[in-house]
């Protein structure tokens, strides 16, 4: 796989997929998006999801061995967060966030929104990890 559009199109082939985006997790900018979003506004959803992702990525309780990102130097910050995935289960859906390393400072994550009645959470998580590994960011 080469680019963002191909990655997002493939994500939408998963059972129950409602929407997907590639979001820069520091700024909240959506680098690519497809499908629906819960509130109907792609930019707002990307920004709010990034805020949530930042909280998870920067909170010591969710990082390896109590790692505190505030103690990182510039080289560590470029590596991105120490967590890999965040799964949020709501009444009607699943939100999967997969963090990726980016070739620039900041990092990105894939956000996949699934309809809970039609999705297979385990399959979606496996496929999202595969998509993330094959995605080429330049």
N, C-alpha and C. Protein backbone atom coordinates (compact mmCIF):
# COMPACT_ATOMS: atom_id res chain seq x y z
N UNK A 1 0.86 -1.17 0.00
CA UNK A 1 0.00 0.00 0.00
C UNK A 1 0.90 1.22 0.00
N UNK A 2 0.45 2.26 -0.63
CA UNK A 2 1.31 3.43 -0.68
C UNK A 2 0.80 4.60 0.15
N UNK A 3 -0.39 5.07 -0.13
CA UNK A 3 -0.76 6.33 0.47
C UNK A 3 -1.97 6.31 1.38
N UNK A 4 -2.27 7.50 1.85
CA UNK A 4 -3.34 7.71 2.81
C UNK A 4 -4.69 7.31 2.24
N UNK A 5 -4.99 7.75 1.02
CA UNK A 5 -6.30 7.46 0.44
C UNK A 5 -6.54 5.96 0.31
N UNK A 6 -5.53 5.23 -0.14
CA UNK A 6 -5.67 3.78 -0.28
C UNK A 6 -5.90 3.12 1.07
N UNK A 7 -5.18 3.59 2.08
CA UNK A 7 -5.33 3.05 3.43
C UNK A 7 -6.75 3.26 3.95
N UNK A 8 -7.26 4.47 3.79
CA UNK A 8 -8.60 4.78 4.29
C UNK A 8 -9.68 4.03 3.51
N UNK A 9 -9.49 3.90 2.20
CA UNK A 9 -10.46 3.13 1.40
C UNK A 9 -10.50 1.67 1.85
N UNK A 10 -9.32 1.11 2.13
CA UNK A 10 -9.28 -0.28 2.59
C UNK A 10 -9.91 -0.42 3.98
N UNK A 11 -9.72 0.58 4.84
CA UNK A 11 -10.33 0.55 6.17
C UNK A 11 -11.85 0.50 6.07
N UNK A 12 -12.39 1.17 5.07
CA UNK A 12 -13.85 1.22 4.90
C UNK A 12 -14.43 -0.10 4.40
N UNK A 13 -13.60 -1.05 4.02
CA UNK A 13 -14.10 -2.36 3.59
C UNK A 13 -14.36 -3.28 4.78
N UNK A 14 -13.94 -2.86 5.97
CA UNK A 14 -14.18 -3.67 7.17
C UNK A 14 -15.67 -3.70 7.50
N UNK A 15 -16.18 -4.84 7.96
CA UNK A 15 -17.59 -4.91 8.36
C UNK A 15 -17.91 -3.87 9.42
N UNK A 16 -18.96 -3.11 9.18
CA UNK A 16 -19.41 -2.11 10.14
C UNK A 16 -18.70 -0.77 10.07
N UNK A 17 -17.75 -0.61 9.15
CA UNK A 17 -17.01 0.66 9.06
C UNK A 17 -17.94 1.80 8.69
N UNK A 18 -17.89 2.87 9.46
CA UNK A 18 -18.70 4.06 9.20
C UNK A 18 -17.84 5.23 8.76
N UNK A 19 -16.62 5.29 9.26
CA UNK A 19 -15.73 6.38 8.89
C UNK A 19 -14.31 6.11 9.34
N UNK A 20 -13.38 6.78 8.68
CA UNK A 20 -11.97 6.61 9.03
C UNK A 20 -11.24 7.91 8.73
N UNK A 21 -10.16 8.13 9.47
CA UNK A 21 -9.35 9.33 9.25
C UNK A 21 -7.93 9.06 9.70
N UNK A 22 -7.02 9.79 9.09
CA UNK A 22 -5.64 9.84 9.54
C UNK A 22 -5.45 11.24 10.11
N UNK A 23 -5.11 11.30 11.39
CA UNK A 23 -5.09 12.57 12.11
C UNK A 23 -3.71 12.81 12.70
N UNK A 24 -3.22 14.05 12.57
CA UNK A 24 -1.98 14.45 13.20
C UNK A 24 -2.32 14.70 14.67
N UNK A 25 -1.71 13.95 15.58
CA UNK A 25 -2.20 13.92 16.95
C UNK A 25 -1.80 15.11 17.81
N UNK A 26 -0.90 15.96 17.37
CA UNK A 26 -0.58 17.17 18.12
C UNK A 26 -1.50 18.32 17.70
N UNK A 27 -1.63 18.55 16.40
CA UNK A 27 -2.42 19.68 15.91
C UNK A 27 -3.91 19.38 15.78
N UNK A 28 -4.26 18.10 15.59
CA UNK A 28 -5.66 17.75 15.37
C UNK A 28 -6.09 17.89 13.93
N UNK A 29 -5.16 18.05 13.02
CA UNK A 29 -5.44 18.20 11.60
C UNK A 29 -5.68 16.83 10.97
N UNK A 30 -6.78 16.68 10.25
CA UNK A 30 -7.05 15.44 9.52
C UNK A 30 -6.27 15.48 8.21
N UNK A 31 -5.35 14.53 8.04
CA UNK A 31 -4.56 14.45 6.82
C UNK A 31 -5.31 13.72 5.71
N UNK A 32 -6.32 12.98 6.10
CA UNK A 32 -7.19 12.27 5.17
C UNK A 32 -8.39 11.79 5.93
N UNK A 33 -9.53 11.69 5.23
CA UNK A 33 -10.76 11.22 5.89
C UNK A 33 -11.70 10.64 4.85
N UNK A 34 -12.57 9.76 5.34
CA UNK A 34 -13.53 9.12 4.46
C UNK A 34 -14.73 8.70 5.31
N UNK A 35 -15.89 8.69 4.71
CA UNK A 35 -17.09 8.22 5.40
C UNK A 35 -17.69 9.25 6.32
N UNK A 36 -18.39 8.73 7.32
CA UNK A 36 -19.12 9.57 8.27
C UNK A 36 -18.27 9.88 9.50
N UNK A 37 -18.75 10.85 10.28
CA UNK A 37 -18.22 11.12 11.61
C UNK A 37 -19.41 11.27 12.55
N UNK A 38 -19.23 10.99 13.83
CA UNK A 38 -20.36 11.00 14.76
C UNK A 38 -21.16 12.31 14.80
N UNK A 39 -20.47 13.45 14.71
CA UNK A 39 -21.19 14.71 14.81
C UNK A 39 -21.40 15.41 13.47
N UNK A 40 -20.98 14.80 12.38
CA UNK A 40 -21.18 15.36 11.06
C UNK A 40 -20.14 16.37 10.61
N UNK A 41 -19.20 16.74 11.46
CA UNK A 41 -18.18 17.73 11.11
C UNK A 41 -16.80 17.08 11.21
N UNK A 42 -16.18 16.82 10.07
CA UNK A 42 -14.90 16.12 10.03
C UNK A 42 -13.80 16.86 10.78
N UNK A 43 -13.71 18.18 10.61
CA UNK A 43 -12.63 18.93 11.26
C UNK A 43 -12.77 18.92 12.77
N UNK A 44 -14.00 19.11 13.26
CA UNK A 44 -14.23 19.10 14.70
C UNK A 44 -13.94 17.72 15.28
N UNK A 45 -14.40 16.69 14.60
CA UNK A 45 -14.16 15.32 15.07
C UNK A 45 -12.67 15.03 15.13
N UNK A 46 -11.91 15.44 14.11
CA UNK A 46 -10.46 15.21 14.10
C UNK A 46 -9.81 15.92 15.27
N UNK A 47 -10.19 17.16 15.51
CA UNK A 47 -9.59 17.93 16.61
C UNK A 47 -9.94 17.32 17.96
N UNK A 48 -11.19 16.93 18.14
CA UNK A 48 -11.60 16.36 19.42
C UNK A 48 -10.99 14.98 19.65
N UNK A 49 -10.89 14.19 18.61
CA UNK A 49 -10.26 12.87 18.72
C UNK A 49 -8.78 13.02 19.04
N UNK A 50 -8.13 14.00 18.42
CA UNK A 50 -6.71 14.25 18.69
C UNK A 50 -6.50 14.67 20.14
N UNK A 51 -7.41 15.48 20.67
CA UNK A 51 -7.30 15.90 22.06
C UNK A 51 -7.38 14.68 22.99
N UNK A 52 -8.31 13.79 22.69
CA UNK A 52 -8.46 12.56 23.47
C UNK A 52 -7.20 11.69 23.33
N UNK A 53 -6.71 11.55 22.09
CA UNK A 53 -5.52 10.74 21.84
C UNK A 53 -4.31 11.30 22.57
N UNK A 54 -4.16 12.62 22.56
CA UNK A 54 -3.06 13.26 23.28
C UNK A 54 -3.13 12.97 24.77
N UNK A 55 -4.32 13.05 25.33
CA UNK A 55 -4.48 12.76 26.77
C UNK A 55 -4.03 11.34 27.08
N UNK A 56 -4.45 10.39 26.24
CA UNK A 56 -4.06 9.00 26.46
C UNK A 56 -2.56 8.82 26.27
N UNK A 57 -2.02 9.42 25.21
CA UNK A 57 -0.61 9.24 24.88
C UNK A 57 0.32 9.89 25.88
N UNK A 58 -0.14 10.95 26.52
CA UNK A 58 0.72 11.69 27.42
C UNK A 58 0.52 11.33 28.89
N UNK A 59 -0.47 10.52 29.18
CA UNK A 59 -0.75 10.18 30.58
C UNK A 59 0.15 9.02 31.01
N UNK A 60 0.90 9.22 32.08
CA UNK A 60 1.86 8.19 32.52
C UNK A 60 1.24 6.83 32.81
N UNK A 61 -0.02 6.78 33.21
CA UNK A 61 -0.62 5.50 33.56
C UNK A 61 -0.79 4.60 32.32
N UNK A 62 -0.81 5.19 31.12
CA UNK A 62 -1.01 4.42 29.89
C UNK A 62 0.28 4.15 29.13
N UNK A 63 1.39 4.57 29.66
CA UNK A 63 2.65 4.38 28.95
C UNK A 63 3.49 3.33 29.65
N UNK A 64 4.43 2.81 28.95
CA UNK A 64 5.28 1.74 29.48
C UNK A 64 6.01 2.18 30.74
N UNK A 65 5.83 1.44 31.79
CA UNK A 65 6.59 1.65 33.02
C UNK A 65 6.44 3.03 33.62
N UNK A 66 5.30 3.67 33.40
CA UNK A 66 5.11 4.99 33.97
C UNK A 66 5.92 6.06 33.26
N UNK A 67 6.29 5.84 32.00
CA UNK A 67 7.06 6.79 31.21
C UNK A 67 6.35 8.14 31.19
N UNK A 68 7.07 9.20 31.44
CA UNK A 68 6.52 10.55 31.44
C UNK A 68 7.04 11.29 30.22
N UNK A 69 6.17 11.55 29.18
CA UNK A 69 6.62 12.24 27.98
C UNK A 69 7.19 13.63 28.26
N UNK A 70 6.82 14.24 29.37
CA UNK A 70 7.35 15.55 29.71
C UNK A 70 8.86 15.50 29.95
N UNK A 71 9.37 14.32 30.26
CA UNK A 71 10.81 14.13 30.51
C UNK A 71 11.59 13.87 29.22
N UNK A 72 10.88 13.72 28.09
CA UNK A 72 11.53 13.40 26.82
C UNK A 72 12.33 14.57 26.27
N UNK A 73 13.39 14.22 25.60
CA UNK A 73 14.13 15.21 24.82
C UNK A 73 13.57 15.25 23.41
N UNK A 74 14.12 16.09 22.53
CA UNK A 74 13.61 16.21 21.16
C UNK A 74 13.64 14.89 20.39
N UNK A 75 14.65 14.08 20.58
CA UNK A 75 14.74 12.81 19.85
C UNK A 75 13.63 11.87 20.28
N UNK A 76 13.28 11.85 21.58
CA UNK A 76 12.21 10.99 22.06
C UNK A 76 10.85 11.45 21.57
N UNK A 77 10.62 12.74 21.52
CA UNK A 77 9.33 13.28 21.09
C UNK A 77 9.05 12.92 19.65
N UNK A 78 10.08 12.84 18.82
CA UNK A 78 9.89 12.52 17.40
C UNK A 78 9.44 11.08 17.21
N UNK A 79 9.68 10.22 18.19
CA UNK A 79 9.29 8.82 18.07
C UNK A 79 7.79 8.61 18.22
N UNK A 80 7.10 9.57 18.78
CA UNK A 80 5.67 9.44 18.97
C UNK A 80 5.35 8.84 20.32
N UNK A 81 4.07 8.54 20.54
CA UNK A 81 3.65 8.04 21.84
C UNK A 81 4.13 6.62 22.10
N UNK A 82 4.14 6.25 23.37
CA UNK A 82 4.56 4.91 23.77
C UNK A 82 3.41 3.90 23.72
N UNK A 83 2.20 4.35 23.53
CA UNK A 83 1.07 3.43 23.41
C UNK A 83 0.83 3.14 21.94
N UNK A 84 0.16 2.03 21.66
CA UNK A 84 -0.08 1.62 20.28
C UNK A 84 -1.52 1.84 19.86
N UNK A 85 -2.46 1.42 20.69
CA UNK A 85 -3.88 1.49 20.32
C UNK A 85 -4.70 2.04 21.48
N UNK A 86 -5.82 2.67 21.11
CA UNK A 86 -6.84 3.06 22.08
C UNK A 86 -8.15 2.55 21.51
N UNK A 87 -8.94 1.88 22.35
CA UNK A 87 -10.24 1.37 21.93
C UNK A 87 -11.29 2.00 22.84
N UNK A 88 -12.27 2.65 22.21
CA UNK A 88 -13.37 3.25 22.96
C UNK A 88 -14.64 2.54 22.52
N UNK A 89 -15.38 2.03 23.48
CA UNK A 89 -16.62 1.33 23.20
C UNK A 89 -17.77 2.22 23.67
N UNK A 90 -18.60 2.63 22.73
CA UNK A 90 -19.77 3.43 23.07
C UNK A 90 -21.02 2.58 22.85
N UNK A 91 -22.16 3.13 23.18
CA UNK A 91 -23.41 2.38 23.06
C UNK A 91 -23.62 1.84 21.64
N UNK A 92 -23.34 2.64 20.64
CA UNK A 92 -23.60 2.22 19.27
C UNK A 92 -22.39 1.92 18.43
N UNK A 93 -21.18 2.09 18.97
CA UNK A 93 -20.03 1.91 18.10
C UNK A 93 -18.73 1.68 18.82
N UNK A 94 -17.73 1.42 18.00
CA UNK A 94 -16.36 1.29 18.45
C UNK A 94 -15.53 2.37 17.78
N UNK A 95 -14.61 2.95 18.52
CA UNK A 95 -13.64 3.88 17.97
C UNK A 95 -12.27 3.28 18.23
N UNK A 96 -11.54 3.02 17.17
CA UNK A 96 -10.20 2.46 17.28
C UNK A 96 -9.20 3.51 16.86
N UNK A 97 -8.21 3.75 17.68
CA UNK A 97 -7.12 4.67 17.36
C UNK A 97 -5.83 3.87 17.32
N UNK A 98 -5.12 3.96 16.23
CA UNK A 98 -3.84 3.27 16.07
C UNK A 98 -2.76 4.32 15.84
N UNK A 99 -1.81 4.44 16.77
CA UNK A 99 -0.75 5.43 16.66
C UNK A 99 0.34 4.93 15.70
N UNK A 100 0.88 5.85 14.92
CA UNK A 100 1.92 5.53 13.94
C UNK A 100 3.10 6.47 14.13
N UNK A 101 4.26 6.01 13.73
CA UNK A 101 5.40 6.91 13.67
C UNK A 101 5.32 7.69 12.38
N UNK A 102 5.65 8.96 12.43
CA UNK A 102 5.63 9.80 11.24
C UNK A 102 7.05 10.28 10.95
N UNK A 103 7.33 10.60 9.69
CA UNK A 103 8.68 11.05 9.34
C UNK A 103 8.96 12.50 9.76
N UNK A 104 8.06 13.08 10.52
CA UNK A 104 8.21 14.45 10.99
C UNK A 104 7.77 14.50 12.45
N UNK A 105 8.09 15.60 13.11
CA UNK A 105 7.72 15.73 14.51
C UNK A 105 6.21 15.79 14.66
N UNK A 106 5.68 15.10 15.62
CA UNK A 106 4.24 15.15 15.89
C UNK A 106 3.59 13.79 15.91
N UNK A 107 3.70 13.05 14.85
CA UNK A 107 3.07 11.74 14.80
C UNK A 107 1.61 11.81 14.39
N UNK A 108 1.10 10.66 14.01
CA UNK A 108 -0.27 10.56 13.52
C UNK A 108 -0.93 9.32 14.09
N UNK A 109 -2.25 9.26 13.97
CA UNK A 109 -2.97 8.05 14.32
C UNK A 109 -4.08 7.83 13.31
N UNK A 110 -4.41 6.56 13.13
CA UNK A 110 -5.57 6.18 12.34
C UNK A 110 -6.76 6.08 13.28
N UNK A 111 -7.87 6.68 12.88
CA UNK A 111 -9.10 6.60 13.66
C UNK A 111 -10.13 5.88 12.80
N UNK A 112 -10.63 4.78 13.31
CA UNK A 112 -11.65 4.00 12.62
C UNK A 112 -12.89 3.96 13.48
N UNK A 113 -14.01 4.36 12.90
CA UNK A 113 -15.30 4.35 13.60
C UNK A 113 -16.14 3.22 13.02
N UNK A 114 -16.61 2.33 13.89
CA UNK A 114 -17.36 1.14 13.48
C UNK A 114 -18.74 1.11 14.12
N UNK A 115 -19.71 0.64 13.38
CA UNK A 115 -21.05 0.38 13.91
C UNK A 115 -20.96 -0.88 14.76
N UNK A 116 -21.36 -0.79 15.99
CA UNK A 116 -21.18 -1.90 16.93
C UNK A 116 -21.98 -3.14 16.56
N UNK A 117 -23.15 -2.98 15.95
CA UNK A 117 -23.98 -4.14 15.62
C UNK A 117 -23.46 -4.93 14.43
N UNK A 118 -22.62 -4.31 13.60
CA UNK A 118 -22.13 -4.99 12.39
C UNK A 118 -20.64 -5.26 12.39
N UNK A 119 -19.94 -4.75 13.37
CA UNK A 119 -18.48 -4.85 13.38
C UNK A 119 -17.99 -6.06 14.16
N UNK A 120 -16.81 -6.48 13.80
CA UNK A 120 -16.07 -7.50 14.54
C UNK A 120 -14.85 -6.79 15.11
N UNK A 121 -14.86 -6.50 16.40
CA UNK A 121 -13.82 -5.70 17.02
C UNK A 121 -12.43 -6.32 16.86
N UNK A 122 -12.32 -7.60 17.10
CA UNK A 122 -11.01 -8.26 16.99
C UNK A 122 -10.47 -8.19 15.56
N UNK A 123 -11.32 -8.49 14.59
CA UNK A 123 -10.90 -8.42 13.19
C UNK A 123 -10.49 -6.99 12.82
N UNK A 124 -11.27 -6.02 13.24
CA UNK A 124 -10.98 -4.63 12.92
C UNK A 124 -9.64 -4.20 13.51
N UNK A 125 -9.36 -4.60 14.73
CA UNK A 125 -8.10 -4.24 15.36
C UNK A 125 -6.92 -4.87 14.62
N UNK A 126 -7.04 -6.12 14.25
CA UNK A 126 -5.98 -6.80 13.50
C UNK A 126 -5.76 -6.13 12.15
N UNK A 127 -6.84 -5.85 11.44
CA UNK A 127 -6.73 -5.22 10.12
C UNK A 127 -6.20 -3.80 10.21
N UNK A 128 -6.59 -3.06 11.24
CA UNK A 128 -6.10 -1.70 11.41
C UNK A 128 -4.59 -1.70 11.66
N UNK A 129 -4.12 -2.64 12.45
CA UNK A 129 -2.67 -2.76 12.68
C UNK A 129 -1.94 -3.07 11.38
N UNK A 130 -2.52 -3.95 10.56
CA UNK A 130 -1.92 -4.29 9.27
C UNK A 130 -1.89 -3.07 8.35
N UNK A 131 -2.98 -2.34 8.29
CA UNK A 131 -3.03 -1.12 7.47
C UNK A 131 -1.97 -0.13 7.92
N UNK A 132 -1.83 0.04 9.21
CA UNK A 132 -0.86 0.99 9.75
C UNK A 132 0.57 0.60 9.37
N UNK A 133 0.86 -0.68 9.38
CA UNK A 133 2.20 -1.15 9.02
C UNK A 133 2.52 -0.92 7.55
N UNK A 134 1.49 -0.99 6.69
CA UNK A 134 1.71 -0.85 5.26
C UNK A 134 1.60 0.59 4.76
N UNK A 135 1.13 1.49 5.61
CA UNK A 135 0.96 2.88 5.20
C UNK A 135 2.31 3.56 5.06
N UNK A 136 2.49 4.25 3.94
CA UNK A 136 3.73 4.98 3.69
C UNK A 136 3.43 6.47 3.83
N UNK A 137 4.09 7.09 4.79
CA UNK A 137 3.96 8.54 5.00
C UNK A 137 5.23 9.22 4.56
N UNK A 138 5.10 10.27 3.78
CA UNK A 138 6.28 11.00 3.32
C UNK A 138 6.17 12.45 3.66
